[in-house]
Amino acid sequence: MIVGRHTDQKGRSTGERVAAIQRGGGPVTDTERNAATRLLDALLDAAAEHGASLDDFDWVADLPGACLDVIRGKTRSV
């Protein structure tokens, strides 16, 4: 598992957050988890410039889940 560069207020890394996601449609691969973690870190890098953190997103959206869904959609539609 990739750890990721950001953590939430509970100390969970972005990689841990992505790894904890449960989805239907077959098992999530390590490659998909790693790619979703990298995407989540990139989005949080951009959000940090605006003073937003993973915890801020948790109030309004499942950003880790959305990142995994995007990656799975791209890799499984090929």
C-alpha atoms as a PDB file:
ATOM      1  CA  MET A   1       0.000   0.000   0.000  1.00  0.00           C
ATOM      2  CA  ILE A   2       1.198   3.467  -0.836  1.00  0.00           C
ATOM      3  CA  VAL A   3       1.053   5.684   2.250  1.00  0.00           C
ATOM      4  CA  GLY A   4       0.336   9.026   0.624  1.00  0.00           C
ATOM      5  CA  ARG A   5       1.500  12.506   1.551  1.00  0.00           C
ATOM      6  CA  HIS A   6      -1.525  13.837   3.438  1.00  0.00           C
ATOM      7  CA  THR A   7      -3.245  12.788   6.650  1.00  0.00           C
ATOM      8  CA  ASP A   8      -6.592  13.562   8.211  1.00  0.00           C
ATOM      9  CA  GLN A   9      -7.194  14.756  11.771  1.00  0.00           C
ATOM     10  CA  LYS A  10      -7.284  11.146  12.968  1.00  0.00           C
ATOM     11  CA  GLY A  11      -3.791  10.538  11.548  1.00  0.00           C
ATOM     12  CA  ARG A  12      -4.927   8.306   8.674  1.00  0.00           C
ATOM     13  CA  SER A  13      -2.890   8.744   5.507  1.00  0.00           C
ATOM     14  CA  THR A  14      -4.446   9.169   2.095  1.00  0.00           C
ATOM     15  CA  GLY A  15      -3.280   5.657   1.261  1.00  0.00           C
ATOM     16  CA  GLU A  16      -5.010   4.266   4.335  1.00  0.00           C
ATOM     17  CA  ARG A  17      -8.181   6.134   3.469  1.00  0.00           C
ATOM     18  CA  VAL A  18      -8.211   4.725  -0.080  1.00  0.00           C
ATOM     19  CA  ALA A  19      -7.399   1.208   1.149  1.00  0.00           C
ATOM     20  CA  ALA A  20     -10.389   1.298   3.526  1.00  0.00           C
ATOM     21  CA  ILE A  21     -12.906   1.919   0.728  1.00  0.00           C
ATOM     22  CA  GLN A  22     -15.342  -0.895   0.020  1.00  0.00           C
ATOM     23  CA  ARG A  23     -16.839  -1.053  -3.467  1.00  0.00           C
ATOM     24  CA  GLY A  24     -18.756  -3.622  -5.485  1.00  0.00           C
ATOM     25  CA  GLY A  25     -17.718  -4.718  -8.940  1.00  0.00           C
ATOM     26  CA  GLY A  26     -14.808  -6.980  -8.148  1.00  0.00           C
ATOM     27  CA  PRO A  27     -11.717  -6.568  -6.026  1.00  0.00           C
ATOM     28  CA  VAL A  28      -9.742  -3.350  -6.124  1.00  0.00           C
ATOM     29  CA  THR A  29      -6.215  -3.949  -7.387  1.00  0.00           C
ATOM     30  CA  ASP A  30      -3.061  -2.585  -5.780  1.00  0.00           C
ATOM     31  CA  THR A  31      -2.423  -0.629  -8.978  1.00  0.00           C
ATOM     32  CA  GLU A  32      -5.845   1.019  -8.701  1.00  0.00           C
ATOM     33  CA  ARG A  33      -5.325   1.824  -5.009  1.00  0.00           C
ATOM     34  CA  ASN A  34      -1.916   3.349  -5.690  1.00  0.00           C
ATOM     35  CA  ALA A  35      -3.222   5.423  -8.598  1.00  0.00           C
ATOM     36  CA  ALA A  36      -6.212   6.619  -6.539  1.00  0.00           C
ATOM     37  CA  THR A  37      -3.891   7.603  -3.680  1.00  0.00           C
ATOM     38  CA  ARG A  38      -1.665   9.580  -6.050  1.00  0.00           C
ATOM     39  CA  LEU A  39      -4.724  11.315  -7.518  1.00  0.00           C
ATOM     40  CA  LEU A  40      -6.047  12.121  -4.038  1.00  0.00           C
ATOM     41  CA  ASP A  41      -2.663  13.544  -3.003  1.00  0.00           C
ATOM     42  CA  ALA A  42      -2.543  15.701  -6.158  1.00  0.00           C
ATOM     43  CA  LEU A  43      -6.026  17.072  -5.501  1.00  0.00           C
ATOM     44  CA  LEU A  44      -5.160  17.792  -1.876  1.00  0.00           C
ATOM     45  CA  ASP A  45      -1.954  19.563  -2.968  1.00  0.00           C
ATOM     46  CA  ALA A  46      -4.108  21.891  -5.074  1.00  0.00           C
ATOM     47  CA  ALA A  47      -6.726  22.265  -2.308  1.00  0.00           C
ATOM     48  CA  ALA A  48      -4.027  23.224   0.218  1.00  0.00           C
ATOM     49  CA  GLU A  49      -3.318  26.345  -1.835  1.00  0.00           C
ATOM     50  CA  HIS A  50      -6.881  27.386  -0.926  1.00  0.00           C
ATOM     51  CA  GLY A  51      -6.618  26.384   2.725  1.00  0.00           C
ATOM     52  CA  ALA A  52      -8.702  23.212   2.286  1.00  0.00           C
ATOM     53  CA  SER A  53      -7.762  19.834   3.731  1.00  0.00           C
ATOM     54  CA  LEU A  54      -9.040  16.264   3.545  1.00  0.00           C
ATOM     55  CA  ASP A  55     -11.065  16.899   6.693  1.00  0.00           C
ATOM     56  CA  ASP A  56     -12.775  19.850   5.007  1.00  0.00           C
ATOM     57  CA  PHE A  57     -13.781  17.632   2.098  1.00  0.00           C
ATOM     58  CA  ASP A  58     -15.085  14.973   4.487  1.00  0.00           C
ATOM     59  CA  TRP A  59     -17.863  17.392   5.454  1.00  0.00           C
ATOM     60  CA  VAL A  60     -19.213  17.525   1.897  1.00  0.00           C
ATOM     61  CA  ALA A  61     -17.917  14.634  -0.199  1.00  0.00           C
ATOM     62  CA  ASP A  62     -16.176  11.270  -0.185  1.00  0.00           C
ATOM     63  CA  LEU A  63     -13.072  12.498  -1.980  1.00  0.00           C
ATOM     64  CA  PRO A  64     -11.036   9.290  -1.440  1.00  0.00           C
ATOM     65  CA  GLY A  65     -13.953   7.233  -2.791  1.00  0.00           C
ATOM     66  CA  ALA A  66     -14.397   9.546  -5.752  1.00  0.00           C
ATOM     67  CA  CYS A  67     -10.710   9.223  -6.632  1.00  0.00           C
ATOM     68  CA  LEU A  68     -10.938   5.440  -6.529  1.00  0.00           C
ATOM     69  CA  ASP A  69     -14.119   5.483  -8.640  1.00  0.00           C
ATOM     70  CA  VAL A  70     -12.437   7.677 -11.268  1.00  0.00           C
ATOM     71  CA  ILE A  71      -9.391   5.402 -11.469  1.00  0.00           C
ATOM     72  CA  ARG A  72     -11.484   2.229 -11.594  1.00  0.00           C
ATOM     73  CA  GLY A  73     -13.664   3.724 -14.295  1.00  0.00           C
ATOM     74  CA  LYS A  74     -10.662   4.606 -16.415  1.00  0.00           C
ATOM     75  CA  THR A  75      -8.808   1.308 -15.978  1.00  0.00           C
ATOM     76  CA  ARG A  76     -11.830  -0.957 -16.384  1.00  0.00           C
ATOM     77  CA  SER A  77     -13.265   0.743 -19.448  1.00  0.00           C
ATOM     78  CA  VAL A  78     -10.147   0.058 -21.516  1.00  0.00           C
END
